[in-house]
């Protein structure tokens, strides 16, 4: 996964900031850690803690749901759409459903509601 992320990050900089990318690369300022942090995304909603690590399973993001005491309630998967390799589109979780605002190819916002498996 690390190599995939490095390629995606380099492609992101090439497309969105060619000048910045060339400066960072030229000066040796690009750094890719050997390992990702354990948590990519953390949210507290409805007296539950939702944690998403970097690791994916069968093309979906892993999702761990804990109570406020830290007890694992459920391990699930959700197809969270990424805006870039650095962030997800605006999202929240409510009543066991992932709710996301996703910009389509026409640059219009669409509301996506997906059940958490």
N, C-alpha and C. Protein backbone atom coordinates (compact mmCIF):
# COMPACT_ATOMS: atom_id res chain seq x y z
N UNK A 1 0.82 -1.19 0.00
CA UNK A 1 0.00 0.00 0.00
C UNK A 1 0.87 1.26 0.00
N UNK A 2 2.01 1.20 0.63
CA UNK A 2 2.87 2.38 0.72
C UNK A 2 3.28 2.84 -0.67
N UNK A 3 3.70 1.92 -1.54
CA UNK A 3 4.11 2.30 -2.90
C UNK A 3 2.97 2.92 -3.68
N UNK A 4 1.76 2.38 -3.51
CA UNK A 4 0.58 2.95 -4.18
C UNK A 4 0.35 4.38 -3.71
N UNK A 5 0.50 4.61 -2.42
CA UNK A 5 0.27 5.94 -1.86
C UNK A 5 1.34 6.92 -2.34
N UNK A 6 2.58 6.48 -2.43
CA UNK A 6 3.66 7.34 -2.93
C UNK A 6 3.38 7.76 -4.36
N UNK A 7 3.00 6.80 -5.20
CA UNK A 7 2.69 7.12 -6.60
C UNK A 7 1.51 8.09 -6.69
N UNK A 8 0.49 7.86 -5.88
CA UNK A 8 -0.69 8.74 -5.90
C UNK A 8 -0.33 10.15 -5.42
N UNK A 9 0.52 10.25 -4.40
CA UNK A 9 0.93 11.57 -3.91
C UNK A 9 1.74 12.31 -4.96
N UNK A 10 2.66 11.62 -5.60
CA UNK A 10 3.46 12.26 -6.65
C UNK A 10 2.58 12.71 -7.81
N UNK A 11 1.62 11.89 -8.18
CA UNK A 11 0.70 12.25 -9.27
C UNK A 11 -0.14 13.46 -8.87
N UNK A 12 -0.59 13.50 -7.63
CA UNK A 12 -1.37 14.62 -7.12
C UNK A 12 -0.58 15.92 -7.26
N UNK A 13 0.67 15.91 -6.81
CA UNK A 13 1.50 17.11 -6.90
C UNK A 13 1.82 17.48 -8.35
N UNK A 14 2.03 16.48 -9.20
CA UNK A 14 2.32 16.76 -10.60
C UNK A 14 1.15 17.49 -11.26
N UNK A 15 -0.06 17.05 -10.97
CA UNK A 15 -1.25 17.62 -11.61
C UNK A 15 -1.60 18.98 -11.02
N UNK A 16 -1.58 19.11 -9.70
CA UNK A 16 -2.09 20.31 -9.05
C UNK A 16 -1.03 21.36 -8.72
N UNK A 17 0.20 20.97 -8.68
CA UNK A 17 1.22 21.94 -8.30
C UNK A 17 2.56 21.60 -8.92
N UNK A 18 2.62 21.65 -10.22
CA UNK A 18 3.84 21.24 -10.91
C UNK A 18 5.07 21.96 -10.39
N UNK A 19 4.96 23.26 -10.23
CA UNK A 19 6.10 24.06 -9.76
C UNK A 19 6.49 23.64 -8.34
N UNK A 20 5.51 23.52 -7.48
CA UNK A 20 5.78 23.11 -6.10
C UNK A 20 6.42 21.73 -6.07
N UNK A 21 5.87 20.80 -6.84
CA UNK A 21 6.39 19.43 -6.86
C UNK A 21 7.85 19.42 -7.29
N UNK A 22 8.17 20.16 -8.35
CA UNK A 22 9.55 20.16 -8.84
C UNK A 22 10.51 20.76 -7.80
N UNK A 23 10.08 21.80 -7.09
CA UNK A 23 10.92 22.40 -6.05
C UNK A 23 11.13 21.41 -4.89
N UNK A 24 10.04 20.79 -4.44
CA UNK A 24 10.14 19.84 -3.33
C UNK A 24 11.07 18.68 -3.69
N UNK A 25 10.91 18.16 -4.90
CA UNK A 25 11.71 17.02 -5.33
C UNK A 25 13.18 17.43 -5.50
N UNK A 26 13.40 18.57 -6.12
CA UNK A 26 14.76 19.06 -6.37
C UNK A 26 15.53 19.27 -5.06
N UNK A 27 14.87 19.78 -4.06
CA UNK A 27 15.52 20.07 -2.78
C UNK A 27 15.53 18.89 -1.82
N UNK A 28 14.93 17.79 -2.24
CA UNK A 28 14.91 16.61 -1.40
C UNK A 28 13.98 16.73 -0.21
N UNK A 29 12.95 17.56 -0.33
CA UNK A 29 12.03 17.80 0.78
C UNK A 29 10.84 16.84 0.79
N UNK A 30 10.73 16.01 -0.20
CA UNK A 30 9.64 15.03 -0.20
C UNK A 30 10.04 13.88 0.71
N UNK A 31 9.19 13.58 1.63
CA UNK A 31 9.46 12.50 2.57
C UNK A 31 8.25 11.58 2.62
N UNK A 32 8.51 10.31 2.46
CA UNK A 32 7.44 9.31 2.54
C UNK A 32 7.75 8.39 3.72
N UNK A 33 6.93 8.44 4.76
CA UNK A 33 7.20 7.60 5.92
C UNK A 33 7.13 6.11 5.58
N UNK A 34 7.84 5.33 6.33
CA UNK A 34 7.85 3.89 6.12
C UNK A 34 6.48 3.29 6.45
N UNK A 35 5.81 3.86 7.45
CA UNK A 35 4.51 3.35 7.88
C UNK A 35 3.51 4.50 8.01
N UNK A 36 2.25 4.18 7.83
CA UNK A 36 1.19 5.16 8.03
C UNK A 36 0.80 5.17 9.50
N UNK A 37 0.21 6.28 9.98
CA UNK A 37 -0.33 6.25 11.34
C UNK A 37 -1.48 5.25 11.43
N UNK A 38 -1.76 4.79 12.61
CA UNK A 38 -2.81 3.78 12.77
C UNK A 38 -4.19 4.32 12.38
N UNK A 39 -4.43 5.61 12.62
CA UNK A 39 -5.76 6.19 12.38
C UNK A 39 -5.69 7.25 11.28
N UNK A 40 -6.56 7.10 10.29
CA UNK A 40 -6.65 8.10 9.23
C UNK A 40 -7.77 9.10 9.52
N UNK A 41 -8.83 8.62 10.15
CA UNK A 41 -10.05 9.41 10.33
C UNK A 41 -10.70 8.97 11.63
N UNK A 42 -11.12 9.93 12.44
CA UNK A 42 -11.77 9.61 13.71
C UNK A 42 -12.91 10.60 13.91
N UNK A 43 -14.07 10.08 14.26
CA UNK A 43 -15.22 10.94 14.49
C UNK A 43 -16.06 10.37 15.62
N UNK A 44 -16.55 11.25 16.48
CA UNK A 44 -17.46 10.85 17.54
C UNK A 44 -18.86 11.32 17.20
N UNK A 45 -19.79 10.36 17.05
CA UNK A 45 -21.17 10.68 16.67
C UNK A 45 -22.11 9.72 17.41
N UNK A 46 -23.23 10.25 17.89
CA UNK A 46 -24.27 9.42 18.53
C UNK A 46 -23.71 8.51 19.62
N UNK A 47 -22.85 9.05 20.48
CA UNK A 47 -22.25 8.29 21.57
C UNK A 47 -21.44 7.08 21.10
N UNK A 48 -20.90 7.17 19.90
CA UNK A 48 -20.03 6.14 19.35
C UNK A 48 -18.80 6.81 18.76
N UNK A 49 -17.71 6.06 18.71
CA UNK A 49 -16.48 6.55 18.10
C UNK A 49 -16.24 5.72 16.84
N UNK A 50 -16.11 6.41 15.71
CA UNK A 50 -15.87 5.76 14.43
C UNK A 50 -14.42 6.01 14.04
N UNK A 51 -13.69 4.93 13.76
CA UNK A 51 -12.28 5.04 13.39
C UNK A 51 -12.06 4.35 12.05
N UNK A 52 -11.37 5.06 11.15
CA UNK A 52 -11.03 4.50 9.84
C UNK A 52 -9.51 4.51 9.72
N UNK A 53 -8.90 3.32 9.56
CA UNK A 53 -7.46 3.27 9.33
C UNK A 53 -7.15 3.46 7.84
N UNK A 54 -5.89 3.49 7.49
CA UNK A 54 -5.51 3.61 6.08
C UNK A 54 -5.81 2.33 5.31
N UNK A 55 -5.73 1.21 5.98
CA UNK A 55 -5.89 -0.08 5.32
C UNK A 55 -7.30 -0.27 4.78
N UNK A 56 -7.37 -0.79 3.55
CA UNK A 56 -8.67 -1.09 2.94
C UNK A 56 -8.84 -2.59 2.85
N UNK A 57 -10.09 -3.01 2.75
CA UNK A 57 -10.40 -4.42 2.64
C UNK A 57 -11.40 -4.58 1.49
N UNK A 58 -11.02 -5.33 0.48
CA UNK A 58 -11.85 -5.57 -0.70
C UNK A 58 -12.33 -4.26 -1.32
N UNK A 59 -11.43 -3.28 -1.41
CA UNK A 59 -11.75 -2.00 -2.04
C UNK A 59 -12.56 -1.04 -1.18
N UNK A 60 -12.88 -1.44 0.03
CA UNK A 60 -13.65 -0.57 0.92
C UNK A 60 -12.80 -0.19 2.13
N UNK A 61 -13.13 0.94 2.71
CA UNK A 61 -12.42 1.38 3.91
C UNK A 61 -12.89 0.57 5.11
N UNK A 62 -11.95 0.12 5.91
CA UNK A 62 -12.31 -0.55 7.14
C UNK A 62 -12.87 0.51 8.09
N UNK A 63 -13.78 0.10 8.93
CA UNK A 63 -14.42 1.02 9.86
C UNK A 63 -14.61 0.29 11.18
N UNK A 64 -14.09 0.87 12.24
CA UNK A 64 -14.23 0.29 13.57
C UNK A 64 -15.14 1.21 14.39
N UNK A 65 -16.12 0.61 15.03
CA UNK A 65 -17.08 1.38 15.82
C UNK A 65 -16.92 0.97 17.29
N UNK A 66 -16.65 1.97 18.13
CA UNK A 66 -16.44 1.74 19.57
C UNK A 66 -17.49 2.51 20.37
N UNK A 67 -17.76 2.01 21.58
CA UNK A 67 -18.58 2.82 22.48
C UNK A 67 -17.66 3.83 23.16
N UNK A 68 -18.22 4.68 24.00
CA UNK A 68 -17.42 5.72 24.63
C UNK A 68 -16.45 5.20 25.69
N UNK A 69 -16.60 3.93 26.07
CA UNK A 69 -15.67 3.30 27.01
C UNK A 69 -14.49 2.66 26.28
N UNK A 70 -14.57 2.59 24.95
CA UNK A 70 -13.49 2.00 24.16
C UNK A 70 -13.73 0.55 23.77
N UNK A 71 -14.92 0.03 24.05
CA UNK A 71 -15.25 -1.35 23.68
C UNK A 71 -15.63 -1.40 22.21
N UNK A 72 -15.02 -2.35 21.47
CA UNK A 72 -15.34 -2.52 20.06
C UNK A 72 -16.76 -3.05 19.91
N UNK A 73 -17.61 -2.29 19.25
CA UNK A 73 -19.00 -2.71 19.02
C UNK A 73 -19.15 -3.44 17.70
N UNK A 74 -18.42 -2.97 16.70
CA UNK A 74 -18.59 -3.53 15.37
C UNK A 74 -17.38 -3.19 14.50
N UNK A 75 -17.03 -4.15 13.66
CA UNK A 75 -16.02 -3.90 12.63
C UNK A 75 -16.76 -4.00 11.30
N UNK A 76 -16.68 -2.96 10.49
CA UNK A 76 -17.47 -2.90 9.27
C UNK A 76 -16.60 -2.43 8.10
N UNK A 77 -17.26 -2.24 6.96
CA UNK A 77 -16.60 -1.70 5.77
C UNK A 77 -17.53 -0.68 5.14
N UNK A 78 -16.93 0.37 4.59
CA UNK A 78 -17.73 1.42 3.95
C UNK A 78 -16.98 1.95 2.72
N UNK A 79 -17.70 2.18 1.63
CA UNK A 79 -17.06 2.70 0.41
C UNK A 79 -16.93 4.22 0.47
N UNK A 80 -15.96 4.72 1.22
CA UNK A 80 -15.81 6.16 1.39
C UNK A 80 -15.05 6.72 0.19
N UNK A 81 -15.64 7.70 -0.48
CA UNK A 81 -15.03 8.29 -1.67
C UNK A 81 -14.04 9.36 -1.23
N UNK A 82 -12.84 9.29 -1.79
CA UNK A 82 -11.80 10.25 -1.44
C UNK A 82 -11.80 11.42 -2.41
N UNK A 83 -11.68 12.61 -1.88
CA UNK A 83 -11.55 13.81 -2.71
C UNK A 83 -10.15 13.84 -3.33
N UNK A 84 -9.17 13.47 -2.55
CA UNK A 84 -7.79 13.33 -3.00
C UNK A 84 -7.16 12.27 -2.10
N UNK A 85 -5.90 12.00 -2.33
CA UNK A 85 -5.26 11.00 -1.47
C UNK A 85 -5.10 11.51 -0.05
N UNK A 86 -5.33 12.79 0.14
CA UNK A 86 -5.14 13.39 1.46
C UNK A 86 -6.43 13.54 2.26
N UNK A 87 -7.59 13.50 1.60
CA UNK A 87 -8.83 13.74 2.35
C UNK A 87 -10.04 13.10 1.68
N UNK A 88 -11.07 12.90 2.50
CA UNK A 88 -12.35 12.40 2.01
C UNK A 88 -13.23 13.59 1.64
N UNK A 89 -14.25 13.34 0.84
CA UNK A 89 -15.27 14.36 0.62
C UNK A 89 -16.01 14.59 1.94
N UNK A 90 -16.72 15.72 2.08
CA UNK A 90 -17.46 15.97 3.32
C UNK A 90 -18.38 14.79 3.65
N UNK A 91 -18.33 14.36 4.89
CA UNK A 91 -19.13 13.19 5.27
C UNK A 91 -19.50 13.22 6.74
N UNK A 92 -20.48 12.39 7.06
CA UNK A 92 -20.85 12.14 8.44
C UNK A 92 -21.47 10.76 8.51
N UNK A 93 -21.75 10.30 9.70
CA UNK A 93 -22.40 9.01 9.90
C UNK A 93 -23.60 9.26 10.79
N UNK A 94 -24.74 8.71 10.40
CA UNK A 94 -25.97 8.89 11.18
C UNK A 94 -26.84 7.65 11.03
N UNK A 95 -27.31 7.12 12.14
CA UNK A 95 -28.22 5.96 12.15
C UNK A 95 -27.69 4.80 11.30
N UNK A 96 -26.39 4.52 11.42
CA UNK A 96 -25.81 3.38 10.71
C UNK A 96 -25.61 3.60 9.23
N UNK A 97 -25.65 4.85 8.80
CA UNK A 97 -25.47 5.15 7.38
C UNK A 97 -24.36 6.18 7.19
N UNK A 98 -23.57 5.96 6.16
CA UNK A 98 -22.53 6.91 5.77
C UNK A 98 -23.16 7.91 4.80
N UNK A 99 -23.05 9.18 5.11
CA UNK A 99 -23.63 10.24 4.28
C UNK A 99 -22.48 11.08 3.75
N UNK A 100 -22.38 11.18 2.41
CA UNK A 100 -21.29 11.94 1.79
C UNK A 100 -21.81 12.88 0.73
N UNK A 101 -21.17 14.04 0.63
CA UNK A 101 -21.38 14.97 -0.48
C UNK A 101 -20.22 14.76 -1.44
N UNK A 102 -20.52 14.35 -2.66
CA UNK A 102 -19.47 14.02 -3.63
C UNK A 102 -19.66 14.87 -4.88
N UNK A 103 -18.57 15.49 -5.31
CA UNK A 103 -18.62 16.31 -6.52
C UNK A 103 -18.49 15.39 -7.74
N UNK A 104 -19.45 15.49 -8.67
CA UNK A 104 -19.41 14.64 -9.85
C UNK A 104 -18.58 15.27 -10.97
N UNK A 105 -18.54 14.61 -12.12
CA UNK A 105 -17.73 15.09 -13.25
C UNK A 105 -18.21 16.43 -13.80
N UNK A 106 -19.47 16.76 -13.58
CA UNK A 106 -20.03 18.05 -14.04
C UNK A 106 -19.82 19.15 -12.99
N UNK A 107 -19.05 18.83 -11.95
CA UNK A 107 -18.78 19.74 -10.84
C UNK A 107 -20.05 20.12 -10.08
N UNK A 108 -20.97 19.17 -10.00
CA UNK A 108 -22.20 19.33 -9.21
C UNK A 108 -22.08 18.41 -7.99
N UNK A 109 -22.68 18.84 -6.90
CA UNK A 109 -22.63 18.05 -5.68
C UNK A 109 -23.77 17.04 -5.65
N UNK A 110 -23.45 15.81 -5.27
CA UNK A 110 -24.44 14.74 -5.15
C UNK A 110 -24.41 14.21 -3.71
N UNK A 111 -25.57 13.89 -3.19
CA UNK A 111 -25.68 13.31 -1.86
C UNK A 111 -25.68 11.79 -1.99
N UNK A 112 -24.74 11.12 -1.34
CA UNK A 112 -24.66 9.66 -1.36
C UNK A 112 -24.89 9.15 0.05
N UNK A 113 -25.83 8.22 0.19
CA UNK A 113 -26.13 7.62 1.49
C UNK A 113 -25.95 6.11 1.35
N UNK A 114 -25.05 5.56 2.16
CA UNK A 114 -24.70 4.15 2.06
C UNK A 114 -24.81 3.50 3.43
N UNK A 115 -25.41 2.33 3.48
CA UNK A 115 -25.45 1.58 4.74
C UNK A 115 -24.07 1.06 5.09
N UNK A 116 -23.77 1.02 6.36
CA UNK A 116 -22.48 0.50 6.81
C UNK A 116 -22.65 -0.99 7.05
N UNK A 117 -21.86 -1.78 6.36
CA UNK A 117 -21.98 -3.25 6.43
C UNK A 117 -21.44 -3.79 7.73
